[in-house]
Amino acid sequence: SIIALSVFTYYFIDLRNIVFAVASVGLLGAVSVFFFFNVF
């Protein structure tokens, strides 16, 4: 999910779609922190 959300963030920014770029990167922040708790 981190890989997918990072890619979607990049492409939505490239497509000048701020709403879905924000949605992608907001969830990316949440999942990144969970990844740390889950793995480490």
PDB file of all heavy atoms in Angstrom:
ATOM      1  N   SER A   1       0.825  -1.211   0.000  1.00  0.00           N
ATOM      2  CA  SER A   1       0.000   0.000   0.000  1.00  0.00           C
ATOM      3  C   SER A   1       0.858   1.259   0.000  1.00  0.00           C
ATOM      4  O   SER A   1       0.511   2.257  -0.644  1.00  0.00           O
ATOM      5  CB  SER A   1      -0.931  -0.003   1.215  1.00  0.00           C
ATOM      6  OG  SER A   1      -1.813  -1.114   1.185  1.00  0.00           O
ATOM      7  N   ILE A   2       1.975   1.242   0.729  1.00  0.00           N
ATOM      8  CA  ILE A   2       2.879   2.398   0.743  1.00  0.00           C
ATOM      9  C   ILE A   2       3.420   2.665  -0.663  1.00  0.00           C
ATOM     10  O   ILE A   2       3.470   3.821  -1.116  1.00  0.00           O
ATOM     11  CB  ILE A   2       4.027   2.168   1.746  1.00  0.00           C
ATOM     12  CG1 ILE A   2       3.497   2.298   3.179  1.00  0.00           C
ATOM     13  CG2 ILE A   2       5.174   3.137   1.513  1.00  0.00           C
ATOM     14  CD1 ILE A   2       4.491   1.864   4.243  1.00  0.00           C
ATOM     15  N   ILE A   3       3.810   1.614  -1.357  1.00  0.00           N
ATOM     16  CA  ILE A   3       4.294   1.779  -2.734  1.00  0.00           C
ATOM     17  C   ILE A   3       3.191   2.352  -3.610  1.00  0.00           C
ATOM     18  O   ILE A   3       3.395   3.321  -4.359  1.00  0.00           O
ATOM     19  CB  ILE A   3       4.782   0.429  -3.300  1.00  0.00           C
ATOM     20  CG1 ILE A   3       6.021  -0.045  -2.529  1.00  0.00           C
ATOM     21  CG2 ILE A   3       5.093   0.545  -4.789  1.00  0.00           C
ATOM     22  CD1 ILE A   3       6.463  -1.454  -2.891  1.00  0.00           C
ATOM     23  N   ALA A   4       1.990   1.768  -3.521  1.00  0.00           N
ATOM     24  CA  ALA A   4       0.879   2.202  -4.371  1.00  0.00           C
ATOM     25  C   ALA A   4       0.480   3.646  -4.076  1.00  0.00           C
ATOM     26  O   ALA A   4       0.274   4.446  -4.999  1.00  0.00           O
ATOM     27  CB  ALA A   4      -0.320   1.271  -4.179  1.00  0.00           C
ATOM     28  N   LEU A   5       0.383   4.003  -2.793  1.00  0.00           N
ATOM     29  CA  LEU A   5      -0.019   5.366  -2.429  1.00  0.00           C
ATOM     30  C   LEU A   5       1.043   6.390  -2.840  1.00  0.00           C
ATOM     31  O   LEU A   5       0.712   7.509  -3.246  1.00  0.00           O
ATOM     32  CB  LEU A   5      -0.285   5.444  -0.931  1.00  0.00           C
ATOM     33  CG  LEU A   5      -1.533   4.705  -0.453  1.00  0.00           C
ATOM     34  CD1 LEU A   5      -1.527   4.539   1.055  1.00  0.00           C
ATOM     35  CD2 LEU A   5      -2.805   5.427  -0.904  1.00  0.00           C
ATOM     36  N   SER A   6       2.310   6.015  -2.750  1.00  0.00           N
ATOM     37  CA  SER A   6       3.377   6.917  -3.194  1.00  0.00           C
ATOM     38  C   SER A   6       3.270   7.178  -4.693  1.00  0.00           C
ATOM     39  O   SER A   6       3.411   8.325  -5.150  1.00  0.00           O
ATOM     40  CB  SER A   6       4.750   6.306  -2.871  1.00  0.00           C
ATOM     41  OG  SER A   6       4.908   6.091  -1.487  1.00  0.00           O
ATOM     42  N   VAL A   7       3.015   6.117  -5.451  1.00  0.00           N
ATOM     43  CA  VAL A   7       2.889   6.254  -6.908  1.00  0.00           C
ATOM     44  C   VAL A   7       1.663   7.079  -7.269  1.00  0.00           C
ATOM     45  O   VAL A   7       1.734   7.978  -8.128  1.00  0.00           O
ATOM     46  CB  VAL A   7       2.827   4.861  -7.562  1.00  0.00           C
ATOM     47  CG1 VAL A   7       2.500   4.975  -9.060  1.00  0.00           C
ATOM     48  CG2 VAL A   7       4.158   4.126  -7.384  1.00  0.00           C
ATOM     49  N   PHE A   8       0.542   6.827  -6.620  1.00  0.00           N
ATOM     50  CA  PHE A   8      -0.663   7.604  -6.916  1.00  0.00           C
ATOM     51  C   PHE A   8      -0.479   9.073  -6.533  1.00  0.00           C
ATOM     52  O   PHE A   8      -0.968   9.969  -7.230  1.00  0.00           O
ATOM     53  CB  PHE A   8      -1.872   7.016  -6.191  1.00  0.00           C
ATOM     54  CG  PHE A   8      -2.444   5.808  -6.860  1.00  0.00           C
ATOM     55  CD1 PHE A   8      -2.740   4.662  -6.125  1.00  0.00           C
ATOM     56  CD2 PHE A   8      -2.705   5.804  -8.222  1.00  0.00           C
ATOM     57  CE1 PHE A   8      -3.273   3.546  -6.747  1.00  0.00           C
ATOM     58  CE2 PHE A   8      -3.242   4.691  -8.854  1.00  0.00           C
ATOM     59  CZ  PHE A   8      -3.514   3.555  -8.114  1.00  0.00           C
ATOM     60  N   THR A   9       0.210   9.340  -5.424  1.00  0.00           N
ATOM     61  CA  THR A   9       0.488  10.727  -5.052  1.00  0.00           C
ATOM     62  C   THR A   9       1.250  11.434  -6.172  1.00  0.00           C
ATOM     63  O   THR A   9       0.886  12.546  -6.588  1.00  0.00           O
ATOM     64  CB  THR A   9       1.310  10.775  -3.749  1.00  0.00           C
ATOM     65  OG1 THR A   9       0.554  10.184  -2.686  1.00  0.00           O
ATOM     66  CG2 THR A   9       1.640  12.215  -3.374  1.00  0.00           C
ATOM     67  N   TYR A  10       2.295  10.785  -6.672  1.00  0.00           N
ATOM     68  CA  TYR A  10       3.098  11.378  -7.745  1.00  0.00           C
ATOM     69  C   TYR A  10       2.260  11.637  -8.990  1.00  0.00           C
ATOM     70  O   TYR A  10       2.298  12.738  -9.569  1.00  0.00           O
ATOM     71  CB  TYR A  10       4.272  10.457  -8.082  1.00  0.00           C
ATOM     72  CG  TYR A  10       5.016  10.879  -9.328  1.00  0.00           C
ATOM     73  CD1 TYR A  10       5.971  11.889  -9.279  1.00  0.00           C
ATOM     74  CD2 TYR A  10       4.735  10.285 -10.560  1.00  0.00           C
ATOM     75  CE1 TYR A  10       6.641  12.292 -10.424  1.00  0.00           C
ATOM     76  CE2 TYR A  10       5.396  10.679 -11.710  1.00  0.00           C
ATOM     77  CZ  TYR A  10       6.347  11.683 -11.637  1.00  0.00           C
ATOM     78  OH  TYR A  10       6.996  12.085 -12.779  1.00  0.00           O
ATOM     79  N   TYR A  11       1.484  10.638  -9.395  1.00  0.00           N
ATOM     80  CA  TYR A  11       0.748  10.773 -10.657  1.00  0.00           C
ATOM     81  C   TYR A  11      -0.422  11.744 -10.543  1.00  0.00           C
ATOM     82  O   TYR A  11      -0.730  12.461 -11.502  1.00  0.00           O
ATOM     83  CB  TYR A  11       0.282   9.407 -11.157  1.00  0.00           C
ATOM     84  CG  TYR A  11       1.377   8.678 -11.891  1.00  0.00           C
ATOM     85  CD1 TYR A  11       2.077   7.639 -11.286  1.00  0.00           C
ATOM     86  CD2 TYR A  11       1.744   9.038 -13.184  1.00  0.00           C
ATOM     87  CE1 TYR A  11       3.099   6.978 -11.947  1.00  0.00           C
ATOM     88  CE2 TYR A  11       2.763   8.389 -13.857  1.00  0.00           C
ATOM     89  CZ  TYR A  11       3.434   7.363 -13.238  1.00  0.00           C
ATOM     90  OH  TYR A  11       4.465   6.724 -13.901  1.00  0.00           O
ATOM     91  N   PHE A  12      -1.091  11.804  -9.398  1.00  0.00           N
ATOM     92  CA  PHE A  12      -2.165  12.786  -9.244  1.00  0.00           C
ATOM     93  C   PHE A  12      -1.609  14.207  -9.214  1.00  0.00           C
ATOM     94  O   PHE A  12      -2.249  15.136  -9.718  1.00  0.00           O
ATOM     95  CB  PHE A  12      -2.989  12.501  -7.992  1.00  0.00           C
ATOM     96  CG  PHE A  12      -4.029  11.428  -8.182  1.00  0.00           C
ATOM     97  CD1 PHE A  12      -4.055  10.302  -7.376  1.00  0.00           C
ATOM     98  CD2 PHE A  12      -4.990  11.542  -9.182  1.00  0.00           C
ATOM     99  CE1 PHE A  12      -5.010   9.312  -7.556  1.00  0.00           C
ATOM    100  CE2 PHE A  12      -5.953  10.557  -9.374  1.00  0.00           C
ATOM    101  CZ  PHE A  12      -5.957   9.434  -8.557  1.00  0.00           C
ATOM    102  N   ILE A  13      -0.423  14.388  -8.626  1.00  0.00           N
ATOM    103  CA  ILE A  13       0.221  15.700  -8.699  1.00  0.00           C
ATOM    104  C   ILE A  13       0.561  16.028 -10.147  1.00  0.00           C
ATOM    105  O   ILE A  13       0.347  17.149 -10.627  1.00  0.00           O
ATOM    106  CB  ILE A  13       1.474  15.735  -7.808  1.00  0.00           C
ATOM    107  CG1 ILE A  13       1.086  15.679  -6.329  1.00  0.00           C
ATOM    108  CG2 ILE A  13       2.305  16.988  -8.091  1.00  0.00           C
ATOM    109  CD1 ILE A  13       2.259  15.545  -5.384  1.00  0.00           C
ATOM    110  N   ASP A  14       1.096  15.032 -10.861  1.00  0.00           N
ATOM    111  CA  ASP A  14       1.449  15.239 -12.267  1.00  0.00           C
ATOM    112  C   ASP A  14       0.222  15.575 -13.108  1.00  0.00           C
ATOM    113  O   ASP A  14       0.308  16.345 -14.076  1.00  0.00           O
ATOM    114  CB  ASP A  14       2.131  13.982 -12.803  1.00  0.00           C
ATOM    115  CG  ASP A  14       2.671  14.164 -14.207  1.00  0.00           C
ATOM    116  OD1 ASP A  14       3.471  15.091 -14.410  1.00  0.00           O
ATOM    117  OD2 ASP A  14       2.277  13.391 -15.111  1.00  0.00           O
ATOM    118  N   LEU A  15      -0.925  15.014 -12.730  1.00  0.00           N
ATOM    119  CA  LEU A  15      -2.174  15.281 -13.444  1.00  0.00           C
ATOM    120  C   LEU A  15      -2.885  16.529 -12.921  1.00  0.00           C
ATOM    121  O   LEU A  15      -4.011  16.824 -13.354  1.00  0.00           O
ATOM    122  CB  LEU A  15      -3.108  14.071 -13.322  1.00  0.00           C
ATOM    123  CG  LEU A  15      -2.669  12.807 -14.065  1.00  0.00           C
ATOM    124  CD1 LEU A  15      -3.476  11.605 -13.605  1.00  0.00           C
ATOM    125  CD2 LEU A  15      -2.802  12.987 -15.572  1.00  0.00           C
ATOM    126  N   ARG A  16      -2.243  17.226 -11.958  1.00  0.00           N
ATOM    127  CA  ARG A  16      -2.773  18.470 -11.397  1.00  0.00           C
ATOM    128  C   ARG A  16      -4.120  18.256 -10.702  1.00  0.00           C
ATOM    129  O   ARG A  16      -5.017  19.089 -10.790  1.00  0.00           O
ATOM    130  CB  ARG A  16      -2.893  19.545 -12.500  1.00  0.00           C
ATOM    131  CG  ARG A  16      -1.564  19.907 -13.132  1.00  0.00           C
ATOM    132  CD  ARG A  16      -1.710  20.608 -14.434  1.00  0.00           C
ATOM    133  NE  ARG A  16      -2.398  19.802 -15.418  1.00  0.00           N
ATOM    134  CZ  ARG A  16      -1.828  18.798 -16.100  1.00  0.00           C
ATOM    135  NH1 ARG A  16      -0.566  18.500 -15.900  1.00  0.00           N
ATOM    136  NH2 ARG A  16      -2.520  18.099 -16.985  1.00  0.00           N
ATOM    137  N   ASN A  17      -4.249  17.142 -10.020  1.00  0.00           N
ATOM    138  CA  ASN A  17      -5.476  16.823  -9.297  1.00  0.00           C
ATOM    139  C   ASN A  17      -5.169  16.850  -7.803  1.00  0.00           C
ATOM    140  O   ASN A  17      -4.778  15.844  -7.204  1.00  0.00           O
ATOM    141  CB  ASN A  17      -6.003  15.448  -9.728  1.00  0.00           C
ATOM    142  CG  ASN A  17      -7.420  15.212  -9.262  1.00  0.00           C
ATOM    143  OD1 ASN A  17      -7.716  15.384  -8.086  1.00  0.00           O
ATOM    144  ND2 ASN A  17      -8.300  14.819 -10.166  1.00  0.00           N
ATOM    145  N   ILE A  18      -5.346  18.017  -7.181  1.00  0.00           N
ATOM    146  CA  ILE A  18      -4.921  18.230  -5.805  1.00  0.00           C
ATOM    147  C   ILE A  18      -5.735  17.399  -4.820  1.00  0.00           C
ATOM    148  O   ILE A  18      -5.203  16.889  -3.820  1.00  0.00           O
ATOM    149  CB  ILE A  18      -5.005  19.732  -5.433  1.00  0.00           C
ATOM    150  CG1 ILE A  18      -4.459  19.978  -4.022  1.00  0.00           C
ATOM    151  CG2 ILE A  18      -6.430  20.254  -5.535  1.00  0.00           C
ATOM    152  CD1 ILE A  18      -2.994  19.706  -3.887  1.00  0.00           C
ATOM    153  N   VAL A  19      -7.026  17.208  -5.089  1.00  0.00           N
ATOM    154  CA  VAL A  19      -7.892  16.500  -4.133  1.00  0.00           C
ATOM    155  C   VAL A  19      -7.417  15.070  -3.928  1.00  0.00           C
ATOM    156  O   VAL A  19      -7.248  14.601  -2.789  1.00  0.00           O
ATOM    157  CB  VAL A  19      -9.360  16.527  -4.606  1.00  0.00           C
ATOM    158  CG1 VAL A  19     -10.219  15.603  -3.739  1.00  0.00           C
ATOM    159  CG2 VAL A  19      -9.909  17.945  -4.557  1.00  0.00           C
ATOM    160  N   PHE A  20      -7.155  14.363  -5.008  1.00  0.00           N
ATOM    161  CA  PHE A  20      -6.785  12.953  -4.880  1.00  0.00           C
ATOM    162  C   PHE A  20      -5.316  12.775  -4.524  1.00  0.00           C
ATOM    163  O   PHE A  20      -4.940  11.751  -3.952  1.00  0.00           O
ATOM    164  CB  PHE A  20      -7.166  12.199  -6.158  1.00  0.00           C
ATOM    165  CG  PHE A  20      -8.650  12.141  -6.352  1.00  0.00           C
ATOM    166  CD1 PHE A  20      -9.278  12.969  -7.262  1.00  0.00           C
ATOM    167  CD2 PHE A  20      -9.419  11.299  -5.587  1.00  0.00           C
ATOM    168  CE1 PHE A  20     -10.655  12.941  -7.417  1.00  0.00           C
ATOM    169  CE2 PHE A  20     -10.795  11.259  -5.722  1.00  0.00           C
ATOM    170  CZ  PHE A  20     -11.418  12.083  -6.639  1.00  0.00           C
ATOM    171  N   ALA A  21      -4.486  13.778  -4.840  1.00  0.00           N
ATOM    172  CA  ALA A  21      -3.111  13.752  -4.347  1.00  0.00           C
ATOM    173  C   ALA A  21      -3.098  13.864  -2.822  1.00  0.00           C
ATOM    174  O   ALA A  21      -2.356  13.143  -2.141  1.00  0.00           O
ATOM    175  CB  ALA A  21      -2.304  14.886  -4.981  1.00  0.00           C
ATOM    176  N   VAL A  22      -3.939  14.744  -2.289  1.00  0.00           N
ATOM    177  CA  VAL A  22      -4.027  14.909  -0.836  1.00  0.00           C
ATOM    178  C   VAL A  22      -4.564  13.636  -0.179  1.00  0.00           C
ATOM    179  O   VAL A  22      -4.060  13.195   0.870  1.00  0.00           O
ATOM    180  CB  VAL A  22      -4.920  16.119  -0.492  1.00  0.00           C
ATOM    181  CG1 VAL A  22      -5.284  16.124   0.996  1.00  0.00           C
ATOM    182  CG2 VAL A  22      -4.207  17.418  -0.854  1.00  0.00           C
ATOM    183  N   ALA A  23      -5.581  13.027  -0.771  1.00  0.00           N
ATOM    184  CA  ALA A  23      -6.127  11.785  -0.221  1.00  0.00           C
ATOM    185  C   ALA A  23      -5.064  10.688  -0.198  1.00  0.00           C
ATOM    186  O   ALA A  23      -4.925   9.958   0.794  1.00  0.00           O
ATOM    187  CB  ALA A  23      -7.337  11.341  -1.038  1.00  0.00           C
ATOM    188  N   SER A  24      -4.306  10.587  -1.281  1.00  0.00           N
ATOM    189  CA  SER A  24      -3.278   9.547  -1.375  1.00  0.00           C
ATOM    190  C   SER A  24      -2.180   9.744  -0.337  1.00  0.00           C
ATOM    191  O   SER A  24      -1.797   8.803   0.376  1.00  0.00           O
ATOM    192  CB  SER A  24      -2.665   9.537  -2.779  1.00  0.00           C
ATOM    193  OG  SER A  24      -3.635   9.276  -3.769  1.00  0.00           O
ATOM    194  N   VAL A  25      -1.687  10.966  -0.220  1.00  0.00           N
ATOM    195  CA  VAL A  25      -0.559  11.202   0.673  1.00  0.00           C
ATOM    196  C   VAL A  25      -1.002  11.224   2.137  1.00  0.00           C
ATOM    197  O   VAL A  25      -0.225  10.869   3.032  1.00  0.00           O
ATOM    198  CB  VAL A  25       0.172  12.504   0.286  1.00  0.00           C
ATOM    199  CG1 VAL A  25      -0.560  13.736   0.788  1.00  0.00           C
ATOM    200  CG2 VAL A  25       1.604  12.502   0.801  1.00  0.00           C
ATOM    201  N   GLY A  26      -2.249  11.599   2.411  1.00  0.00           N
ATOM    202  CA  GLY A  26      -2.750  11.544   3.780  1.00  0.00           C
ATOM    203  C   GLY A  26      -2.817  10.115   4.296  1.00  0.00           C
ATOM    204  O   GLY A  26      -2.377   9.814   5.417  1.00  0.00           O
ATOM    205  N   LEU A  27      -3.346   9.214   3.460  1.00  0.00           N
ATOM    206  CA  LEU A  27      -3.387   7.806   3.849  1.00  0.00           C
ATOM    207  C   LEU A  27      -1.985   7.224   3.889  1.00  0.00           C
ATOM    208  O   LEU A  27      -1.693   6.361   4.729  1.00  0.00           O
ATOM    209  CB  LEU A  27      -4.264   7.022   2.871  1.00  0.00           C
ATOM    210  CG  LEU A  27      -4.508   5.547   3.206  1.00  0.00           C
ATOM    211  CD1 LEU A  27      -5.104   5.386   4.598  1.00  0.00           C
ATOM    212  CD2 LEU A  27      -5.420   4.894   2.162  1.00  0.00           C
ATOM    213  N   LEU A  28      -1.113   7.699   3.015  1.00  0.00           N
ATOM    214  CA  LEU A  28       0.285   7.253   3.024  1.00  0.00           C
ATOM    215  C   LEU A  28       0.940   7.544   4.372  1.00  0.00           C
ATOM    216  O   LEU A  28       1.673   6.702   4.912  1.00  0.00           O
ATOM    217  CB  LEU A  28       1.053   7.943   1.897  1.00  0.00           C
ATOM    218  CG  LEU A  28       2.561   7.693   1.829  1.00  0.00           C
ATOM    219  CD1 LEU A  28       2.861   6.218   1.616  1.00  0.00           C
ATOM    220  CD2 LEU A  28       3.183   8.529   0.717  1.00  0.00           C
ATOM    221  N   GLY A  29       0.685   8.722   4.934  1.00  0.00           N
ATOM    222  CA  GLY A  29       1.243   9.050   6.244  1.00  0.00           C
ATOM    223  C   GLY A  29       0.771   8.094   7.319  1.00  0.00           C
ATOM    224  O   GLY A  29       1.564   7.617   8.147  1.00  0.00           O
ATOM    225  N   ALA A  30      -0.528   7.777   7.295  1.00  0.00           N
ATOM    226  CA  ALA A  30      -1.088   6.867   8.300  1.00  0.00           C
ATOM    227  C   ALA A  30      -0.494   5.463   8.170  1.00  0.00           C
ATOM    228  O   ALA A  30      -0.103   4.843   9.169  1.00  0.00           O
ATOM    229  CB  ALA A  30      -2.607   6.816   8.152  1.00  0.00           C
ATOM    230  N   VAL A  31      -0.411   4.957   6.942  1.00  0.00           N
ATOM    231  CA  VAL A  31       0.071   3.594   6.726  1.00  0.00           C
ATOM    232  C   VAL A  31       1.568   3.490   7.027  1.00  0.00           C
ATOM    233  O   VAL A  31       2.036   2.470   7.528  1.00  0.00           O
ATOM    234  CB  VAL A  31      -0.233   3.136   5.281  1.00  0.00           C
ATOM    235  CG1 VAL A  31       0.297   1.727   5.046  1.00  0.00           C
ATOM    236  CG2 VAL A  31      -1.733   3.169   5.020  1.00  0.00           C
ATOM    237  N   SER A  32       2.319   4.546   6.741  1.00  0.00           N
ATOM    238  CA  SER A  32       3.760   4.532   7.016  1.00  0.00           C
ATOM    239  C   SER A  32       4.034   4.364   8.510  1.00  0.00           C
ATOM    240  O   SER A  32       4.928   3.600   8.906  1.00  0.00           O
ATOM    241  CB  SER A  32       4.402   5.823   6.509  1.00  0.00           C
ATOM    242  OG  SER A  32       4.256   5.958   5.121  1.00  0.00           O
ATOM    243  N   VAL A  33       3.284   5.079   9.347  1.00  0.00           N
ATOM    244  CA  VAL A  33       3.470   4.956  10.793  1.00  0.00           C
ATOM    245  C   VAL A  33       3.052   3.567  11.272  1.00  0.00           C
ATOM    246  O   VAL A  33       3.745   2.943  12.088  1.00  0.00           O
ATOM    247  CB  VAL A  33       2.668   6.047  11.539  1.00  0.00           C
ATOM    248  CG1 VAL A  33       2.662   5.786  13.041  1.00  0.00           C
ATOM    249  CG2 VAL A  33       3.259   7.421  11.243  1.00  0.00           C
ATOM    250  N   PHE A  34       1.931   3.055  10.749  1.00  0.00           N
ATOM    251  CA  PHE A  34       1.525   1.695  11.123  1.00  0.00           C
ATOM    252  C   PHE A  34       2.604   0.683  10.746  1.00  0.00           C
ATOM    253  O   PHE A  34       2.884  -0.255  11.503  1.00  0.00           O
ATOM    254  CB  PHE A  34       0.207   1.310  10.438  1.00  0.00           C
ATOM    255  CG  PHE A  34      -0.086  -0.158  10.543  1.00  0.00           C
ATOM    256  CD1 PHE A  34      -0.647  -0.680  11.689  1.00  0.00           C
ATOM    257  CD2 PHE A  34       0.252  -1.031   9.519  1.00  0.00           C
ATOM    258  CE1 PHE A  34      -0.870  -2.042  11.827  1.00  0.00           C
ATOM    259  CE2 PHE A  34       0.028  -2.390   9.632  1.00  0.00           C
ATOM    260  CZ  PHE A  34      -0.532  -2.900  10.793  1.00  0.00           C
ATOM    261  N   PHE A  35       3.192   0.847   9.562  1.00  0.00           N
ATOM    262  CA  PHE A  35       4.248  -0.066   9.095  1.00  0.00           C
ATOM    263  C   PHE A  35       5.367  -0.148  10.122  1.00  0.00           C
ATOM    264  O   PHE A  35       5.884  -1.238  10.409  1.00  0.00           O
ATOM    265  CB  PHE A  35       4.784   0.420   7.745  1.00  0.00           C
ATOM    266  CG  PHE A  35       5.840  -0.458   7.142  1.00  0.00           C
ATOM    267  CD1 PHE A  35       5.498  -1.520   6.325  1.00  0.00           C
ATOM    268  CD2 PHE A  35       7.190  -0.210   7.376  1.00  0.00           C
ATOM    269  CE1 PHE A  35       6.471  -2.335   5.756  1.00  0.00           C
ATOM    270  CE2 PHE A  35       8.174  -1.015   6.817  1.00  0.00           C
ATOM    271  CZ  PHE A  35       7.805  -2.074   6.002  1.00  0.00           C
ATOM    272  N   PHE A  36       5.745   0.987  10.689  1.00  0.00           N
ATOM    273  CA  PHE A  36       6.808   1.009  11.699  1.00  0.00           C
ATOM    274  C   PHE A  36       6.398   0.192  12.928  1.00  0.00           C
ATOM    275  O   PHE A  36       7.181  -0.631  13.427  1.00  0.00           O
ATOM    276  CB  PHE A  36       7.120   2.450  12.098  1.00  0.00           C
ATOM    277  CG  PHE A  36       8.170   2.567  13.170  1.00  0.00           C
ATOM    278  CD1 PHE A  36       9.508   2.516  12.845  1.00  0.00           C
ATOM    279  CD2 PHE A  36       7.802   2.712  14.500  1.00  0.00           C
ATOM    280  CE1 PHE A  36      10.485   2.617  13.837  1.00  0.00           C
ATOM    281  CE2 PHE A  36       8.762   2.813  15.487  1.00  0.00           C
ATOM    282  CZ  PHE A  36      10.106   2.764  15.157  1.00  0.00           C
ATOM    283  N   PHE A  37       5.191   0.411  13.443  1.00  0.00           N
ATOM    284  CA  PHE A  37       4.719  -0.347  14.613  1.00  0.00           C
ATOM    285  C   PHE A  37       4.622  -1.838  14.301  1.00  0.00           C
ATOM    286  O   PHE A  37       4.978  -2.680  15.126  1.00  0.00           O
ATOM    287  CB  PHE A  37       3.351   0.161  15.058  1.00  0.00           C
ATOM    288  CG  PHE A  37       3.395   1.436  15.856  1.00  0.00           C
ATOM    289  CD1 PHE A  37       3.075   2.646  15.272  1.00  0.00           C
ATOM    290  CD2 PHE A  37       3.746   1.430  17.198  1.00  0.00           C
ATOM    291  CE1 PHE A  37       3.112   3.827  16.000  1.00  0.00           C
ATOM    292  CE2 PHE A  37       3.785   2.596  17.940  1.00  0.00           C
ATOM    293  CZ  PHE A  37       3.473   3.809  17.333  1.00  0.00           C
ATOM    294  N   ASN A  38       4.123  -2.170  13.118  1.00  0.00           N
ATOM    295  CA  ASN A  38       3.884  -3.558  12.739  1.00  0.00           C
ATOM    296  C   ASN A  38       5.183  -4.335  12.545  1.00  0.00           C
ATOM    297  O   ASN A  38       5.321  -5.480  12.993  1.00  0.00           O
ATOM    298  CB  ASN A  38       3.041  -3.586  11.469  1.00  0.00           C
ATOM    299  CG  ASN A  38       2.698  -4.986  10.999  1.00  0.00           C
ATOM    300  OD1 ASN A  38       2.788  -5.293   9.828  1.00  0.00           O
ATOM    301  ND2 ASN A  38       2.297  -5.851  11.914  1.00  0.00           N
ATOM    302  N   VAL A  39       6.145  -3.721  11.865  1.00  0.00           N
ATOM    303  CA  VAL A  39       7.381  -4.426  11.510  1.00  0.00           C
ATOM    304  C   VAL A  39       8.429  -4.342  12.616  1.00  0.00           C
ATOM    305  O   VAL A  39       9.114  -5.326  12.904  1.00  0.00           O
ATOM    306  CB  VAL A  39       7.955  -3.866  10.183  1.00  0.00           C
ATOM    307  CG1 VAL A  39       9.291  -4.519   9.849  1.00  0.00           C
ATOM    308  CG2 VAL A  39       6.969  -4.094   9.043  1.00  0.00           C
ATOM    309  N   PHE A  40       8.558  -3.184  13.251  1.00  0.00           N
ATOM    310  CA  PHE A  40       9.651  -2.969  14.202  1.00  0.00           C
ATOM    311  C   PHE A  40       9.203  -2.906  15.662  1.00  0.00           C
ATOM    312  O   PHE A  40      10.049  -2.836  16.558  1.00  0.00           O
ATOM    313  CB  PHE A  40      10.396  -1.681  13.846  1.00  0.00           C
ATOM    314  CG  PHE A  40      10.966  -1.687  12.452  1.00  0.00           C
ATOM    315  CD1 PHE A  40      10.387  -0.916  11.449  1.00  0.00           C
ATOM    316  CD2 PHE A  40      12.048  -2.484  12.136  1.00  0.00           C
ATOM    317  CE1 PHE A  40      10.902  -0.923  10.166  1.00  0.00           C
ATOM    318  CE2 PHE A  40      12.575  -2.507  10.851  1.00  0.00           C
ATOM    319  CZ  PHE A  40      11.993  -1.722   9.854  1.00  0.00           C
TER     320      PHE A  40
END
